[in-house]
Amino acid sequence: MLIGLVRDSVLQCFCHTCRAPVLPAVNRRGVPTKKPNKTRTKQPKSSKKVKFITTEIRCQEKSKGGLSYEVILAEPSITVPPVQKLAVTPGKFNVSVEEIEEKLKAAEERRLSLEEKKKIEWTAKMAKIEEASRKKDELEQEFISQTKKVLTEKMEHYEEKRVEQICDKMEKLKTHAQEIEKNRLSLEKQKSEELMNQLEEKLKNAASLRDDNIKKILDRLKEHERRAEVVRQNKATLANQNEEEHITASSG
């Protein structure tokens, strides 16, 4: 129905007094148009009169030979159905006091049974919670004991390993100290031997120099004595010659 109304509103002008046929396309001149054979079905006629829908049509040419239409319908009208009030039958409220007491008693029994059931369920739930808490505490204690045991074993192993490492380092340091002491003694011995050799060499050189100096001094003394002896001999010879000359002079 809505499609027919839109089609009719497109085909007719805005004054709703005349109908304008659809213009053929420009690019379809001379082309015979065939209408498809469709089976027509009879639509049931509605007793209500069809009201016109206020529409607005906008036309826009997007391509050559083609038009696009925008159909804007009016705002829908909302019809609120009237609220039907339920009829109250006075026969339903004719209840006796005994029935009310029986119903209250049954309700009280149901309430007590529900409370008892809830109490039993709560007790069972609390028992489960306590059991779960106890198991949790046991598991925590077991985990703590196992962890403590593992940590104690690790600490003992670490302590033993540390003591072994310390002993090994002490042994290495002791061996190194012995090697250092041995090297020091050998160096001191070597230095003392070198010093003794140097002293002996110096003493030998000093002794040789002393002997040379003594020999030179003795040679000088011998030369001096020889010269002194020559001088004494020359003096004696001169004295003898003078005496002989004096004697010859006195005898003549």
Foldseek 3Di string as FASTA:
>chain_A
DVVVLVVQPVQPDPVPPDGHDDDQFPVCPPPDDDDDDDDDDDDDDDPDDDDHWDWDWDWDDDDHRDIDIDIDTDDDDDDDDDDDDDDDDPVVPPDDPVVVVVVVVVVVVVVVVVVVVVVVVVVVVVVVVVVVVVVVVVVVVVVVVVVVVVVVVVVVVVVVVVVVVVVVVVVVVVVVVVVVVVVVVVVVVVVVVVVVVVVVVVVVVVVVVVVVVVVVVVVVVVVVVVVVVVVVVVVVVVVVVVVVVVVVVVVD
